[in-house]
Amino acid sequence: MPSDCLFCKIVEGTIPANRVYQDDLCIVFPDINPQAPTHLLVIPKQHIASQAKAAAEDTPLLGHLLAVAADTARRRKLDRGYRVVLNTGDEGGQTVNHLHLHLLGGRPMTWPPG
C-alpha cells in the first residue's frame, strides 16, 4: 500500500472513519463532502489506484464492491433509487488515487451529471 494514500490509511486505521460496513474485502463510510443526503464511499481494502489500473484478476473484487453498494442502498432504504459513481482519472473527477465507489441517494438525481 502506498504510504501517502488517504484511503489506505483509513484501511490501516491510522486515519479514523465512521465505518458503516466492513468485511474482508472492503469498507463503507460517509464521504466528507456529501453531495446527497446519503453519500457513502465503498473502497476496497486492496490498493488499486483507479478503474483504469484494475486487472482481470480484480473482477471478483469489483463485483463485490457493486454488490456491497446495492446491499448498503437496501439497508439505507433507498427504495426510490440511487446512483453509484466510479470516477477515474483527473478528467473523470477522481480526487483520491484509490479506486472507490460513490453511493448517492436520498434526492432526485439529474442527467447529465457534472
PDB file of N, CA and C in Angstrom:
ATOM      1  N   MET A   1       0.835  -1.186   0.000  1.00  0.00           N
ATOM      2  CA  MET A   1       0.000   0.000   0.000  1.00  0.00           C
ATOM      3  C   MET A   1       0.880   1.251   0.000  1.00  0.00           C
ATOM      4  N   PRO A   2       0.556   2.193  -0.849  1.00  0.00           N
ATOM      5  CA  PRO A   2       1.330   3.436  -0.848  1.00  0.00           C
ATOM      6  C   PRO A   2       1.178   4.178   0.478  1.00  0.00           C
ATOM      7  N   SER A   3       2.284   4.664   0.997  1.00  0.00           N
ATOM      8  CA  SER A   3       2.264   5.309   2.311  1.00  0.00           C
ATOM      9  C   SER A   3       1.533   6.652   2.305  1.00  0.00           C
ATOM     10  N   ASP A   4       1.346   7.261   1.128  1.00  0.00           N
ATOM     11  CA  ASP A   4       0.689   8.568   1.062  1.00  0.00           C
ATOM     12  C   ASP A   4      -0.780   8.474   0.659  1.00  0.00           C
ATOM     13  N   CYS A   5      -1.334   7.269   0.567  1.00  0.00           N
ATOM     14  CA  CYS A   5      -2.719   7.094   0.124  1.00  0.00           C
ATOM     15  C   CYS A   5      -3.683   7.276   1.297  1.00  0.00           C
ATOM     16  N   LEU A   6      -4.549   8.259   1.184  1.00  0.00           N
ATOM     17  CA  LEU A   6      -5.538   8.560   2.227  1.00  0.00           C
ATOM     18  C   LEU A   6      -6.397   7.343   2.555  1.00  0.00           C
ATOM     19  N   PHE A   7      -6.900   6.670   1.530  1.00  0.00           N
ATOM     20  CA  PHE A   7      -7.799   5.540   1.782  1.00  0.00           C
ATOM     21  C   PHE A   7      -7.054   4.339   2.346  1.00  0.00           C
ATOM     22  N   CYS A   8      -5.799   4.139   1.982  1.00  0.00           N
ATOM     23  CA  CYS A   8      -5.006   3.069   2.594  1.00  0.00           C
ATOM     24  C   CYS A   8      -4.819   3.340   4.084  1.00  0.00           C
ATOM     25  N   LYS A   9      -4.676   4.608   4.442  1.00  0.00           N
ATOM     26  CA  LYS A   9      -4.552   4.959   5.869  1.00  0.00           C
ATOM     27  C   LYS A   9      -5.852   4.698   6.608  1.00  0.00           C
ATOM     28  N   ILE A  10      -6.982   4.882   5.951  1.00  0.00           N
ATOM     29  CA  ILE A  10      -8.272   4.542   6.563  1.00  0.00           C
ATOM     30  C   ILE A  10      -8.375   3.027   6.728  1.00  0.00           C
ATOM     31  N   VAL A  11      -7.962   2.272   5.717  1.00  0.00           N
ATOM     32  CA  VAL A  11      -7.961   0.814   5.813  1.00  0.00           C
ATOM     33  C   VAL A  11      -7.094   0.366   6.985  1.00  0.00           C
ATOM     34  N   GLU A  12      -5.907   0.953   7.121  1.00  0.00           N
ATOM     35  CA  GLU A  12      -4.974   0.595   8.198  1.00  0.00           C
ATOM     36  C   GLU A  12      -5.465   1.044   9.566  1.00  0.00           C
ATOM     37  N   GLY A  13      -6.355   2.025   9.596  1.00  0.00           N
ATOM     38  CA  GLY A  13      -6.848   2.553  10.860  1.00  0.00           C
ATOM     39  C   GLY A  13      -6.050   3.725  11.400  1.00  0.00           C
ATOM     40  N   THR A  14      -5.061   4.209  10.634  1.00  0.00           N
ATOM     41  CA  THR A  14      -4.280   5.354  11.092  1.00  0.00           C
ATOM     42  C   THR A  14      -5.032   6.669  10.908  1.00  0.00           C
ATOM     43  N   ILE A  15      -6.031   6.670  10.028  1.00  0.00           N
ATOM     44  CA  ILE A  15      -6.964   7.790   9.895  1.00  0.00           C
ATOM     45  C   ILE A  15      -8.341   7.223  10.220  1.00  0.00           C
ATOM     46  N   PRO A  16      -9.053   7.832  11.164  1.00  0.00           N
ATOM     47  CA  PRO A  16     -10.369   7.292  11.546  1.00  0.00           C
ATOM     48  C   PRO A  16     -11.426   7.569  10.484  1.00  0.00           C
ATOM     49  N   ALA A  17     -12.382   6.671  10.421  1.00  0.00           N
ATOM     50  CA  ALA A  17     -13.553   6.843   9.551  1.00  0.00           C
ATOM     51  C   ALA A  17     -14.724   6.151  10.236  1.00  0.00           C
ATOM     52  N   ASN A  18     -15.898   6.702  10.068  1.00  0.00           N
ATOM     53  CA  ASN A  18     -17.109   6.106  10.623  1.00  0.00           C
ATOM     54  C   ASN A  18     -17.535   4.954   9.709  1.00  0.00           C
ATOM     55  N   ARG A  19     -17.016   3.780   9.975  1.00  0.00           N
ATOM     56  CA  ARG A  19     -17.276   2.612   9.127  1.00  0.00           C
ATOM     57  C   ARG A  19     -18.701   2.132   9.340  1.00  0.00           C
ATOM     58  N   VAL A  20     -19.525   2.275   8.306  1.00  0.00           N
ATOM     59  CA  VAL A  20     -20.909   1.814   8.414  1.00  0.00           C
ATOM     60  C   VAL A  20     -21.036   0.361   7.967  1.00  0.00           C
ATOM     61  N   TYR A  21     -19.999  -0.152   7.292  1.00  0.00           N
ATOM     62  CA  TYR A  21     -19.947  -1.547   6.899  1.00  0.00           C
ATOM     63  C   TYR A  21     -18.487  -1.893   6.658  1.00  0.00           C
ATOM     64  N   GLN A  22     -18.146  -3.146   6.941  1.00  0.00           N
ATOM     65  CA  GLN A  22     -16.794  -3.621   6.682  1.00  0.00           C
ATOM     66  C   GLN A  22     -16.837  -5.137   6.547  1.00  0.00           C
ATOM     67  N   ASP A  23     -16.055  -5.660   5.615  1.00  0.00           N
ATOM     68  CA  ASP A  23     -15.855  -7.097   5.521  1.00  0.00           C
ATOM     69  C   ASP A  23     -14.390  -7.331   5.169  1.00  0.00           C
ATOM     70  N   ASP A  24     -14.052  -8.536   4.765  1.00  0.00           N
ATOM     71  CA  ASP A  24     -12.649  -8.849   4.471  1.00  0.00           C
ATOM     72  C   ASP A  24     -12.108  -8.101   3.261  1.00  0.00           C
ATOM     73  N   LEU A  25     -13.000  -7.616   2.386  1.00  0.00           N
ATOM     74  CA  LEU A  25     -12.567  -7.017   1.129  1.00  0.00           C
ATOM     75  C   LEU A  25     -12.744  -5.511   1.029  1.00  0.00           C
ATOM     76  N   CYS A  26     -13.674  -4.950   1.803  1.00  0.00           N
ATOM     77  CA  CYS A  26     -13.973  -3.526   1.608  1.00  0.00           C
ATOM     78  C   CYS A  26     -14.481  -2.859   2.879  1.00  0.00           C
ATOM     79  N   ILE A  27     -14.567  -1.534   2.789  1.00  0.00           N
ATOM     80  CA  ILE A  27     -15.077  -0.679   3.860  1.00  0.00           C
ATOM     81  C   ILE A  27     -16.056   0.310   3.235  1.00  0.00           C
ATOM     82  N   VAL A  28     -17.111   0.646   3.970  1.00  0.00           N
ATOM     83  CA  VAL A  28     -18.067   1.677   3.548  1.00  0.00           C
ATOM     84  C   VAL A  28     -18.103   2.739   4.638  1.00  0.00           C
ATOM     85  N   PHE A  29     -17.978   3.997   4.229  1.00  0.00           N
ATOM     86  CA  PHE A  29     -18.024   5.106   5.180  1.00  0.00           C
ATOM     87  C   PHE A  29     -18.539   6.364   4.484  1.00  0.00           C
ATOM     88  N   PRO A  30     -19.039   7.343   5.259  1.00  0.00           N
ATOM     89  CA  PRO A  30     -19.577   8.568   4.663  1.00  0.00           C
ATOM     90  C   PRO A  30     -18.495   9.410   3.983  1.00  0.00           C
ATOM     91  N   ASP A  31     -18.871  10.031   2.879  1.00  0.00           N
ATOM     92  CA  ASP A  31     -17.992  10.988   2.207  1.00  0.00           C
ATOM     93  C   ASP A  31     -17.900  12.246   3.068  1.00  0.00           C
ATOM     94  N   ILE A  32     -16.715  12.821   3.157  1.00  0.00           N
ATOM     95  CA  ILE A  32     -16.559  14.022   3.997  1.00  0.00           C
ATOM     96  C   ILE A  32     -17.143  15.272   3.330  1.00  0.00           C
ATOM     97  N   ASN A  33     -17.470  15.188   2.042  1.00  0.00           N
ATOM     98  CA  ASN A  33     -18.070  16.303   1.310  1.00  0.00           C
ATOM     99  C   ASN A  33     -19.327  15.790   0.611  1.00  0.00           C
ATOM    100  N   PRO A  34     -20.385  15.500   1.388  1.00  0.00           N
ATOM    101  CA  PRO A  34     -21.553  14.842   0.795  1.00  0.00           C
ATOM    102  C   PRO A  34     -22.251  15.691  -0.262  1.00  0.00           C
ATOM    103  N   GLN A  35     -22.659  15.010  -1.343  1.00  0.00           N
ATOM    104  CA  GLN A  35     -23.364  15.641  -2.448  1.00  0.00           C
ATOM    105  C   GLN A  35     -24.830  15.231  -2.499  1.00  0.00           C
ATOM    106  N   ALA A  36     -25.255  14.448  -1.514  1.00  0.00           N
ATOM    107  CA  ALA A  36     -26.645  13.991  -1.417  1.00  0.00           C
ATOM    108  C   ALA A  36     -26.889  13.622   0.044  1.00  0.00           C
ATOM    109  N   PRO A  37     -28.162  13.511   0.452  1.00  0.00           N
ATOM    110  CA  PRO A  37     -28.439  13.120   1.839  1.00  0.00           C
ATOM    111  C   PRO A  37     -27.746  11.818   2.245  1.00  0.00           C
ATOM    112  N   THR A  38     -27.680  10.859   1.334  1.00  0.00           N
ATOM    113  CA  THR A  38     -26.849   9.678   1.530  1.00  0.00           C
ATOM    114  C   THR A  38     -25.701   9.769   0.538  1.00  0.00           C
ATOM    115  N   HIS A  39     -24.479   9.825   1.046  1.00  0.00           N
ATOM    116  CA  HIS A  39     -23.292   9.832   0.186  1.00  0.00           C
ATOM    117  C   HIS A  39     -22.223   9.032   0.911  1.00  0.00           C
ATOM    118  N   LEU A  40     -22.097   7.777   0.501  1.00  0.00           N
ATOM    119  CA  LEU A  40     -21.144   6.867   1.116  1.00  0.00           C
ATOM    120  C   LEU A  40     -20.092   6.461   0.102  1.00  0.00           C
ATOM    121  N   LEU A  41     -18.908   6.140   0.596  1.00  0.00           N
ATOM    122  CA  LEU A  41     -17.837   5.618  -0.242  1.00  0.00           C
ATOM    123  C   LEU A  41     -17.679   4.142   0.040  1.00  0.00           C
ATOM    124  N   VAL A  42     -17.519   3.363  -0.999  1.00  0.00           N
ATOM    125  CA  VAL A  42     -17.235   1.929  -0.897  1.00  0.00           C
ATOM    126  C   VAL A  42     -15.827   1.750  -1.450  1.00  0.00           C
ATOM    127  N   ILE A  43     -14.876   1.381  -0.574  1.00  0.00           N
ATOM    128  CA  ILE A  43     -13.482   1.260  -1.007  1.00  0.00           C
ATOM    129  C   ILE A  43     -12.979  -0.158  -0.783  1.00  0.00           C
ATOM    130  N   PRO A  44     -12.170  -0.663  -1.707  1.00  0.00           N
ATOM    131  CA  PRO A  44     -11.542  -1.955  -1.461  1.00  0.00           C
ATOM    132  C   PRO A  44     -10.401  -1.785  -0.458  1.00  0.00           C
ATOM    133  N   LYS A  45     -10.177  -2.801   0.339  1.00  0.00           N
ATOM    134  CA  LYS A  45      -9.033  -2.768   1.253  1.00  0.00           C
ATOM    135  C   LYS A  45      -7.723  -2.886   0.469  1.00  0.00           C
ATOM    136  N   GLN A  46      -7.786  -3.568  -0.647  1.00  0.00           N
ATOM    137  CA  GLN A  46      -6.622  -3.703  -1.530  1.00  0.00           C
ATOM    138  C   GLN A  46      -6.440  -2.394  -2.281  1.00  0.00           C
ATOM    139  N   HIS A  47      -5.209  -1.920  -2.366  1.00  0.00           N
ATOM    140  CA  HIS A  47      -4.969  -0.678  -3.111  1.00  0.00           C
ATOM    141  C   HIS A  47      -4.974  -0.972  -4.609  1.00  0.00           C
ATOM    142  N   ILE A  48      -5.907  -0.326  -5.289  1.00  0.00           N
ATOM    143  CA  ILE A  48      -5.939  -0.262  -6.754  1.00  0.00           C
ATOM    144  C   ILE A  48      -6.091   1.217  -7.044  1.00  0.00           C
ATOM    145  N   ALA A  49      -5.177   1.786  -7.795  1.00  0.00           N
ATOM    146  CA  ALA A  49      -5.158   3.236  -7.978  1.00  0.00           C
ATOM    147  C   ALA A  49      -6.435   3.767  -8.630  1.00  0.00           C
ATOM    148  N   SER A  50      -6.975   3.051  -9.613  1.00  0.00           N
ATOM    149  CA  SER A  50      -8.180   3.520 -10.306  1.00  0.00           C
ATOM    150  C   SER A  50      -8.772   2.369 -11.099  1.00  0.00           C
ATOM    151  N   GLN A  51      -9.940   2.593 -11.666  1.00  0.00           N
ATOM    152  CA  GLN A  51     -10.559   1.595 -12.538  1.00  0.00           C
ATOM    153  C   GLN A  51      -9.631   1.278 -13.710  1.00  0.00           C
ATOM    154  N   ALA A  52      -8.928   2.289 -14.189  1.00  0.00           N
ATOM    155  CA  ALA A  52      -8.007   2.093 -15.316  1.00  0.00           C
ATOM    156  C   ALA A  52      -6.851   1.170 -14.946  1.00  0.00           C
ATOM    157  N   LYS A  53      -6.533   1.077 -13.686  1.00  0.00           N
ATOM    158  CA  LYS A  53      -5.423   0.234 -13.225  1.00  0.00           C
ATOM    159  C   LYS A  53      -5.889  -1.150 -12.777  1.00  0.00           C
ATOM    160  N   ALA A  54      -7.193  -1.404 -12.767  1.00  0.00           N
ATOM    161  CA  ALA A  54      -7.714  -2.701 -12.358  1.00  0.00           C
ATOM    162  C   ALA A  54      -7.331  -3.751 -13.410  1.00  0.00           C
ATOM    163  N   ALA A  55      -7.003  -4.932 -12.928  1.00  0.00           N
ATOM    164  CA  ALA A  55      -6.617  -6.042 -13.802  1.00  0.00           C
ATOM    165  C   ALA A  55      -7.740  -7.069 -13.865  1.00  0.00           C
ATOM    166  N   ALA A  56      -7.622  -7.996 -14.794  1.00  0.00           N
ATOM    167  CA  ALA A  56      -8.640  -9.032 -14.951  1.00  0.00           C
ATOM    168  C   ALA A  56      -8.860  -9.793 -13.647  1.00  0.00           C
ATOM    169  N   GLU A  57      -7.798 -10.032 -12.896  1.00  0.00           N
ATOM    170  CA  GLU A  57      -7.950 -10.774 -11.632  1.00  0.00           C
ATOM    171  C   GLU A  57      -8.681  -9.969 -10.554  1.00  0.00           C
ATOM    172  N   ASP A  58      -8.908  -8.685 -10.784  1.00  0.00           N
ATOM    173  CA  ASP A  58      -9.665  -7.848  -9.842  1.00  0.00           C
ATOM    174  C   ASP A  58     -11.169  -7.924 -10.082  1.00  0.00           C
ATOM    175  N   THR A  59     -11.599  -8.625 -11.126  1.00  0.00           N
ATOM    176  CA  THR A  59     -13.017  -8.685 -11.478  1.00  0.00           C
ATOM    177  C   THR A  59     -13.903  -9.141 -10.317  1.00  0.00           C
ATOM    178  N   PRO A  60     -13.574 -10.220  -9.587  1.00  0.00           N
ATOM    179  CA  PRO A  60     -14.425 -10.600  -8.453  1.00  0.00           C
ATOM    180  C   PRO A  60     -14.528  -9.499  -7.389  1.00  0.00           C
ATOM    181  N   LEU A  61     -13.437  -8.798  -7.131  1.00  0.00           N
ATOM    182  CA  LEU A  61     -13.449  -7.710  -6.156  1.00  0.00           C
ATOM    183  C   LEU A  61     -14.352  -6.575  -6.633  1.00  0.00           C
ATOM    184  N   LEU A  62     -14.259  -6.216  -7.903  1.00  0.00           N
ATOM    185  CA  LEU A  62     -15.092  -5.135  -8.438  1.00  0.00           C
ATOM    186  C   LEU A  62     -16.568  -5.503  -8.347  1.00  0.00           C
ATOM    187  N   GLY A  63     -16.901  -6.740  -8.643  1.00  0.00           N
ATOM    188  CA  GLY A  63     -18.279  -7.196  -8.498  1.00  0.00           C
ATOM    189  C   GLY A  63     -18.735  -7.145  -7.057  1.00  0.00           C
ATOM    190  N   HIS A  64     -17.844  -7.497  -6.143  1.00  0.00           N
ATOM    191  CA  HIS A  64     -18.169  -7.450  -4.719  1.00  0.00           C
ATOM    192  C   HIS A  64     -18.477  -6.022  -4.282  1.00  0.00           C
ATOM    193  N   LEU A  65     -17.698  -5.064  -4.765  1.00  0.00           N
ATOM    194  CA  LEU A  65     -17.935  -3.659  -4.401  1.00  0.00           C
ATOM    195  C   LEU A  65     -19.324  -3.218  -4.855  1.00  0.00           C
ATOM    196  N   LEU A  66     -19.728  -3.613  -6.060  1.00  0.00           N
ATOM    197  CA  LEU A  66     -21.067  -3.267  -6.547  1.00  0.00           C
ATOM    198  C   LEU A  66     -22.151  -3.956  -5.727  1.00  0.00           C
ATOM    199  N   ALA A  67     -21.929  -5.204  -5.349  1.00  0.00           N
ATOM    200  CA  ALA A  67     -22.903  -5.924  -4.527  1.00  0.00           C
ATOM    201  C   ALA A  67     -23.032  -5.279  -3.152  1.00  0.00           C
ATOM    202  N   VAL A  68     -21.926  -4.844  -2.576  1.00  0.00           N
ATOM    203  CA  VAL A  68     -21.960  -4.165  -1.278  1.00  0.00           C
ATOM    204  C   VAL A  68     -22.689  -2.834  -1.408  1.00  0.00           C
ATOM    205  N   ALA A  69     -22.469  -2.110  -2.495  1.00  0.00           N
ATOM    206  CA  ALA A  69     -23.181  -0.841  -2.713  1.00  0.00           C
ATOM    207  C   ALA A  69     -24.685  -1.094  -2.780  1.00  0.00           C
ATOM    208  N   ALA A  70     -25.105  -2.129  -3.507  1.00  0.00           N
ATOM    209  CA  ALA A  70     -26.540  -2.442  -3.631  1.00  0.00           C
ATOM    210  C   ALA A  70     -27.120  -2.847  -2.284  1.00  0.00           C
ATOM    211  N   ASP A  71     -26.405  -3.662  -1.528  1.00  0.00           N
ATOM    212  CA  ASP A  71     -26.882  -4.084  -0.214  1.00  0.00           C
ATOM    213  C   ASP A  71     -26.974  -2.892   0.738  1.00  0.00           C
ATOM    214  N   THR A  72     -25.987  -2.013   0.672  1.00  0.00           N
ATOM    215  CA  THR A  72     -25.995  -0.815   1.518  1.00  0.00           C
ATOM    216  C   THR A  72     -27.187   0.073   1.161  1.00  0.00           C
ATOM    217  N   ALA A  73     -27.476   0.214  -0.126  1.00  0.00           N
ATOM    218  CA  ALA A  73     -28.637   1.015  -0.567  1.00  0.00           C
ATOM    219  C   ALA A  73     -29.930   0.412  -0.024  1.00  0.00           C
ATOM    220  N   ARG A  74     -30.049  -0.913  -0.052  1.00  0.00           N
ATOM    221  CA  ARG A  74     -31.245  -1.556   0.507  1.00  0.00           C
ATOM    222  C   ARG A  74     -31.347  -1.296   2.006  1.00  0.00           C
ATOM    223  N   ARG A  75     -30.225  -1.439   2.719  1.00  0.00           N
ATOM    224  CA  ARG A  75     -30.240  -1.216   4.171  1.00  0.00           C
ATOM    225  C   ARG A  75     -30.543   0.238   4.518  1.00  0.00           C
ATOM    226  N   ARG A  76     -30.158   1.164   3.632  1.00  0.00           N
ATOM    227  CA  ARG A  76     -30.431   2.587   3.834  1.00  0.00           C
ATOM    228  C   ARG A  76     -31.807   2.984   3.308  1.00  0.00           C
ATOM    229  N   LYS A  77     -32.554   2.005   2.807  1.00  0.00           N
ATOM    230  CA  LYS A  77     -33.922   2.212   2.315  1.00  0.00           C
ATOM    231  C   LYS A  77     -33.981   3.235   1.175  1.00  0.00           C
ATOM    232  N   LEU A  78     -33.044   3.124   0.259  1.00  0.00           N
ATOM    233  CA  LEU A  78     -33.032   3.995  -0.915  1.00  0.00           C
ATOM    234  C   LEU A  78     -33.900   3.366  -2.004  1.00  0.00           C
ATOM    235  N   ASP A  79     -35.155   3.055  -1.629  1.00  0.00           N
ATOM    236  CA  ASP A  79     -36.080   2.335  -2.496  1.00  0.00           C
ATOM    237  C   ASP A  79     -36.475   3.111  -3.748  1.00  0.00           C
ATOM    238  N   ARG A  80     -36.397   4.417  -3.698  1.00  0.00           N
ATOM    239  CA  ARG A  80     -36.815   5.234  -4.847  1.00  0.00           C
ATOM    240  C   ARG A  80     -35.690   5.387  -5.863  1.00  0.00           C
ATOM    241  N   GLY A  81     -34.505   4.925  -5.512  1.00  0.00           N
ATOM    242  CA  GLY A  81     -33.380   4.980  -6.443  1.00  0.00           C
ATOM    243  C   GLY A  81     -32.136   5.563  -5.812  1.00  0.00           C
ATOM    244  N   TYR A  82     -31.046   5.319  -6.477  1.00  0.00           N
ATOM    245  CA  TYR A  82     -29.744   5.810  -6.030  1.00  0.00           C
ATOM    246  C   TYR A  82     -28.799   5.779  -7.218  1.00  0.00           C
ATOM    247  N   ARG A  83     -27.646   6.345  -7.039  1.00  0.00           N
ATOM    248  CA  ARG A  83     -26.626   6.369  -8.090  1.00  0.00           C
ATOM    249  C   ARG A  83     -25.330   5.829  -7.513  1.00  0.00           C
ATOM    250  N   VAL A  84     -24.636   5.020  -8.322  1.00  0.00           N
ATOM    251  CA  VAL A  84     -23.292   4.546  -7.988  1.00  0.00           C
ATOM    252  C   VAL A  84     -22.355   5.162  -9.014  1.00  0.00           C
ATOM    253  N   VAL A  85     -21.331   5.856  -8.534  1.00  0.00           N
ATOM    254  CA  VAL A  85     -20.396   6.568  -9.410  1.00  0.00           C
ATOM    255  C   VAL A  85     -18.984   6.060  -9.137  1.00  0.00           C
ATOM    256  N   LEU A  86     -18.240   5.841 -10.204  1.00  0.00           N
ATOM    257  CA  LEU A  86     -16.835   5.459 -10.097  1.00  0.00           C
ATOM    258  C   LEU A  86     -16.052   6.426 -10.979  1.00  0.00           C
ATOM    259  N   ASN A  87     -15.435   7.420 -10.377  1.00  0.00           N
ATOM    260  CA  ASN A  87     -14.647   8.403 -11.115  1.00  0.00           C
ATOM    261  C   ASN A  87     -13.268   7.809 -11.401  1.00  0.00           C
ATOM    262  N   THR A  88     -12.755   8.063 -12.604  1.00  0.00           N
ATOM    263  CA  THR A  88     -11.461   7.506 -12.992  1.00  0.00           C
ATOM    264  C   THR A  88     -10.606   8.587 -13.636  1.00  0.00           C
ATOM    265  N   GLY A  89      -9.446   8.850 -13.051  1.00  0.00           N
ATOM    266  CA  GLY A  89      -8.502   9.816 -13.600  1.00  0.00           C
ATOM    267  C   GLY A  89      -8.911  11.258 -13.340  1.00  0.00           C
ATOM    268  N   ASP A  90      -7.984  12.138 -13.619  1.00  0.00           N
ATOM    269  CA  ASP A  90      -8.206  13.564 -13.374  1.00  0.00           C
ATOM    270  C   ASP A  90      -9.429  14.100 -14.107  1.00  0.00           C
ATOM    271  N   GLU A  91      -9.556  13.807 -15.391  1.00  0.00           N
ATOM    272  CA  GLU A  91     -10.681  14.318 -16.156  1.00  0.00           C
ATOM    273  C   GLU A  91     -11.987  13.620 -15.808  1.00  0.00           C
ATOM    274  N   GLY A  92     -11.902  12.469 -15.167  1.00  0.00           N
ATOM    275  CA  GLY A  92     -13.091  11.770 -14.706  1.00  0.00           C
ATOM    276  C   GLY A  92     -13.532  12.212 -13.327  1.00  0.00           C
ATOM    277  N   GLY A  93     -12.782  13.130 -12.709  1.00  0.00           N
ATOM    278  CA  GLY A  93     -13.152  13.663 -11.406  1.00  0.00           C
ATOM    279  C   GLY A  93     -12.601  12.898 -10.220  1.00  0.00           C
ATOM    280  N   GLN A  94     -11.674  11.960 -10.448  1.00  0.00           N
ATOM    281  CA  GLN A  94     -11.097  11.200  -9.332  1.00  0.00           C
ATOM    282  C   GLN A  94     -10.144  12.094  -8.554  1.00  0.00           C
ATOM    283  N   THR A  95     -10.378  12.232  -7.252  1.00  0.00           N
ATOM    284  CA  THR A  95      -9.539  13.096  -6.421  1.00  0.00           C
ATOM    285  C   THR A  95      -8.655  12.326  -5.448  1.00  0.00           C
ATOM    286  N   VAL A  96      -8.974  11.052  -5.196  1.00  0.00           N
ATOM    287  CA  VAL A  96      -8.130  10.189  -4.362  1.00  0.00           C
ATOM    288  C   VAL A  96      -7.728   9.001  -5.234  1.00  0.00           C
ATOM    289  N   ASN A  97      -6.442   8.785  -5.354  1.00  0.00           N
ATOM    290  CA  ASN A  97      -5.945   7.725  -6.232  1.00  0.00           C
ATOM    291  C   ASN A  97      -5.993   6.360  -5.557  1.00  0.00           C
ATOM    292  N   HIS A  98      -7.207   5.962  -5.208  1.00  0.00           N
ATOM    293  CA  HIS A  98      -7.526   4.641  -4.659  1.00  0.00           C
ATOM    294  C   HIS A  98      -8.941   4.387  -5.149  1.00  0.00           C
ATOM    295  N   LEU A  99      -9.126   3.362  -5.949  1.00  0.00           N
ATOM    296  CA  LEU A  99     -10.434   3.074  -6.516  1.00  0.00           C
ATOM    297  C   LEU A  99     -11.507   3.141  -5.436  1.00  0.00           C
ATOM    298  N   HIS A 100     -12.621   3.780  -5.734  1.00  0.00           N
ATOM    299  CA  HIS A 100     -13.730   3.861  -4.787  1.00  0.00           C
ATOM    300  C   HIS A 100     -15.025   4.163  -5.518  1.00  0.00           C
ATOM    301  N   LEU A 101     -16.108   3.631  -4.981  1.00  0.00           N
ATOM    302  CA  LEU A 101     -17.441   3.894  -5.499  1.00  0.00           C
ATOM    303  C   LEU A 101     -18.118   4.922  -4.617  1.00  0.00           C
ATOM    304  N   HIS A 102     -18.864   5.828  -5.227  1.00  0.00           N
ATOM    305  CA  HIS A 102     -19.721   6.755  -4.501  1.00  0.00           C
ATOM    306  C   HIS A 102     -21.142   6.205  -4.579  1.00  0.00           C
ATOM    307  N   LEU A 103     -21.779   6.048  -3.450  1.00  0.00           N
ATOM    308  CA  LEU A 103     -23.189   5.665  -3.384  1.00  0.00           C
ATOM    309  C   LEU A 103     -23.961   6.901  -2.957  1.00  0.00           C
ATOM    310  N   LEU A 104     -24.789   7.426  -3.865  1.00  0.00           N
ATOM    311  CA  LEU A 104     -25.534   8.659  -3.617  1.00  0.00           C
ATOM    312  C   LEU A 104     -27.028   8.383  -3.688  1.00  0.00           C
ATOM    313  N   GLY A 105     -27.778   8.910  -2.731  1.00  0.00           N
ATOM    314  CA  GLY A 105     -29.214   8.745  -2.755  1.00  0.00           C
ATOM    315  C   GLY A 105     -29.902   9.698  -1.800  1.00  0.00           C
ATOM    316  N   GLY A 106     -31.223   9.586  -1.767  1.00  0.00           N
ATOM    317  CA  GLY A 106     -32.000  10.432  -0.873  1.00  0.00           C
ATOM    318  C   GLY A 106     -32.486  11.714  -1.509  1.00  0.00           C
ATOM    319  N   ARG A 107     -32.235  11.887  -2.805  1.00  0.00           N
ATOM    320  CA  ARG A 107     -32.733  13.036  -3.562  1.00  0.00           C
ATOM    321  C   ARG A 107     -32.779  12.639  -5.025  1.00  0.00           C
ATOM    322  N   PRO A 108     -33.586  13.333  -5.834  1.00  0.00           N
ATOM    323  CA  PRO A 108     -33.589  13.036  -7.273  1.00  0.00           C
ATOM    324  C   PRO A 108     -32.227  13.369  -7.901  1.00  0.00           C
ATOM    325  N   MET A 109     -31.762  12.509  -8.757  1.00  0.00           N
ATOM    326  CA  MET A 109     -30.510  12.731  -9.477  1.00  0.00           C
ATOM    327  C   MET A 109     -30.853  13.289 -10.862  1.00  0.00           C
ATOM    328  N   THR A 110     -30.012  14.147 -11.377  1.00  0.00           N
ATOM    329  CA  THR A 110     -30.253  14.734 -12.693  1.00  0.00           C
ATOM    330  C   THR A 110     -29.261  14.152 -13.702  1.00  0.00           C
ATOM    331  N   TRP A 111     -29.562  14.364 -14.975  1.00  0.00           N
ATOM    332  CA  TRP A 111     -28.662  13.910 -16.031  1.00  0.00           C
ATOM    333  C   TRP A 111     -28.557  15.005 -17.068  1.00  0.00           C
ATOM    334  N   PRO A 112     -27.425  15.308 -17.608  1.00  0.00           N
ATOM    335  CA  PRO A 112     -26.155  14.658 -17.330  1.00  0.00           C
ATOM    336  C   PRO A 112     -25.547  15.161 -16.037  1.00  0.00           C
ATOM    337  N   PRO A 113     -24.744  14.315 -15.388  1.00  0.00           N
ATOM    338  CA  PRO A 113     -24.064  14.737 -14.171  1.00  0.00           C
ATOM    339  C   PRO A 113     -22.901  15.658 -14.516  1.00  0.00           C
ATOM    340  N   GLY A 114     -22.489  16.480 -13.550  1.00  0.00           N
ATOM    341  CA  GLY A 114     -21.301  17.320 -13.678  1.00  0.00           C
ATOM    342  C   GLY A 114     -21.240  17.998 -14.962  1.00  0.00           C
TER     343      GLY A 114
END
